Each structure stands twice: as structure tokens, then as C-alpha cells.
């Protein structure tokens, strides 16, 4: 599950899908909407290095490559 969520969020960042990002971001750390809109890096690739699910939480170590 954590890896699938990371892949979905990477896709949302890459395609500028602000609503998806806001819906999947923890409210206590979510930036304001305007911070997610406008000029963004062009995301090219997501490399998952490791992940582990430990319900109700999990973690993902990844590298996102962009320019």
C-alpha cells in the first residue's frame, strides 16, 4: 500500500493533479493549495528503493528525478 500511494502521488505531482495531492496529504503537514499550483519541476522518473507496510502506517524510500 505505501508504494502504491507513493506512485499515485508521484503521478499526481507529474501531471499537476492538485486535488489528488490535497486529498492524500495529511492535514497537519499539507501546504496551502496555492503552494502546489504554478511552476513545478518536470518530474521524469520515480525509483522505489524500498518500502514496508506496517498497518496502520508504512514507509517508502524513493528517489524522484526531474528537471
C-alpha atoms as a PDB file:
ATOM      1  CA  UNK A   1       0.000   0.000   0.000  1.00  0.00           C
ATOM      2  CA  UNK A   2       2.659   2.634   0.815  1.00  0.00           C
ATOM      3  CA  UNK A   3       4.414   2.025  -2.510  1.00  0.00           C
ATOM      4  CA  UNK A   4       1.155   2.274  -4.463  1.00  0.00           C
ATOM      5  CA  UNK A   5       0.314   5.546  -2.707  1.00  0.00           C
ATOM      6  CA  UNK A   6       3.796   6.921  -3.455  1.00  0.00           C
ATOM      7  CA  UNK A   7       3.420   6.023  -7.140  1.00  0.00           C
ATOM      8  CA  UNK A   8      -0.040   7.625  -7.281  1.00  0.00           C
ATOM      9  CA  UNK A   9       1.212  10.805  -5.618  1.00  0.00           C
ATOM     10  CA  UNK A  10       4.243  10.992  -7.917  1.00  0.00           C
ATOM     11  CA  UNK A  11       1.887  10.742 -10.899  1.00  0.00           C
ATOM     12  CA  UNK A  12      -0.298  13.475  -9.401  1.00  0.00           C
ATOM     13  CA  UNK A  13       2.734  15.744  -8.964  1.00  0.00           C
ATOM     14  CA  UNK A  14       3.943  14.995 -12.502  1.00  0.00           C
ATOM     15  CA  UNK A  15       0.527  15.734 -14.041  1.00  0.00           C
ATOM     16  CA  UNK A  16      -0.332  18.707 -11.821  1.00  0.00           C
ATOM     17  CA  UNK A  17      -3.329  16.962 -10.217  1.00  0.00           C
ATOM     18  CA  UNK A  18      -3.664  19.318  -7.235  1.00  0.00           C
ATOM     19  CA  UNK A  19      -6.933  17.803  -5.984  1.00  0.00           C
ATOM     20  CA  UNK A  20      -5.365  14.336  -5.682  1.00  0.00           C
ATOM     21  CA  UNK A  21      -2.401  15.745  -3.787  1.00  0.00           C
ATOM     22  CA  UNK A  22      -4.591  17.663  -1.360  1.00  0.00           C
ATOM     23  CA  UNK A  23      -6.806  14.614  -0.782  1.00  0.00           C
ATOM     24  CA  UNK A  24      -3.844  12.337   0.003  1.00  0.00           C
ATOM     25  CA  UNK A  25      -1.773  14.740   2.132  1.00  0.00           C
ATOM     26  CA  UNK A  26      -2.036  14.631   5.936  1.00  0.00           C
ATOM     27  CA  UNK A  27      -3.879  17.812   7.011  1.00  0.00           C
ATOM     28  CA  UNK A  28      -1.271  18.694   9.637  1.00  0.00           C
ATOM     29  CA  UNK A  29       1.541  18.880   7.043  1.00  0.00           C
ATOM     30  CA  UNK A  30      -0.414  19.811   3.878  1.00  0.00           C
ATOM     31  CA  UNK A  31       0.701  23.094   2.281  1.00  0.00           C
ATOM     32  CA  UNK A  32      -1.865  25.646   1.123  1.00  0.00           C
ATOM     33  CA  UNK A  33      -3.388  24.979  -2.286  1.00  0.00           C
ATOM     34  CA  UNK A  34      -1.569  27.896  -3.939  1.00  0.00           C
ATOM     35  CA  UNK A  35       1.799  26.374  -2.997  1.00  0.00           C
ATOM     36  CA  UNK A  36       1.009  23.356  -5.211  1.00  0.00           C
ATOM     37  CA  UNK A  37      -0.031  25.316  -8.270  1.00  0.00           C
ATOM     38  CA  UNK A  38       2.060  27.164 -10.818  1.00  0.00           C
ATOM     39  CA  UNK A  39       5.598  26.439 -11.964  1.00  0.00           C
ATOM     40  CA  UNK A  40       6.721  22.982 -10.879  1.00  0.00           C
ATOM     41  CA  UNK A  41       9.716  20.843 -11.774  1.00  0.00           C
ATOM     42  CA  UNK A  42       9.172  18.458 -14.672  1.00  0.00           C
ATOM     43  CA  UNK A  43       9.151  15.037 -12.994  1.00  0.00           C
ATOM     44  CA  UNK A  44      10.656  12.314 -15.162  1.00  0.00           C
ATOM     45  CA  UNK A  45      11.031   9.183 -13.086  1.00  0.00           C
ATOM     46  CA  UNK A  46      10.327   7.628  -9.716  1.00  0.00           C
ATOM     47  CA  UNK A  47      12.688   4.970  -8.370  1.00  0.00           C
ATOM     48  CA  UNK A  48      11.393   2.993  -5.387  1.00  0.00           C
ATOM     49  CA  UNK A  49      14.372   1.813  -3.353  1.00  0.00           C
ATOM     50  CA  UNK A  50      12.478   0.102  -0.526  1.00  0.00           C
ATOM     51  CA  UNK A  51       9.093   0.044   1.137  1.00  0.00           C
ATOM     52  CA  UNK A  52       7.364  -1.642   4.016  1.00  0.00           C
ATOM     53  CA  UNK A  53       3.779  -1.730   5.210  1.00  0.00           C
ATOM     54  CA  UNK A  54       3.243  -1.805   8.972  1.00  0.00           C
ATOM     55  CA  UNK A  55      -0.504  -1.162   9.385  1.00  0.00           C
ATOM     56  CA  UNK A  56      -1.783   1.376  10.033  1.00  0.00           C
ATOM     57  CA  UNK A  57       1.412   3.006   8.760  1.00  0.00           C
ATOM     58  CA  UNK A  58       4.250   2.264   6.387  1.00  0.00           C
ATOM     59  CA  UNK A  59       7.217   3.861   4.732  1.00  0.00           C
ATOM     60  CA  UNK A  60       8.776   4.251   1.286  1.00  0.00           C
ATOM     61  CA  UNK A  61      12.352   5.179   0.421  1.00  0.00           C
ATOM     62  CA  UNK A  62      12.440   6.650  -3.056  1.00  0.00           C
ATOM     63  CA  UNK A  63      14.248   8.941  -5.445  1.00  0.00           C
ATOM     64  CA  UNK A  64      12.274  11.249  -7.725  1.00  0.00           C
ATOM     65  CA  UNK A  65      14.156  12.522 -10.740  1.00  0.00           C
ATOM     66  CA  UNK A  66      13.182  15.710 -12.528  1.00  0.00           C
ATOM     67  CA  UNK A  67      14.459  18.831 -14.144  1.00  0.00           C
END
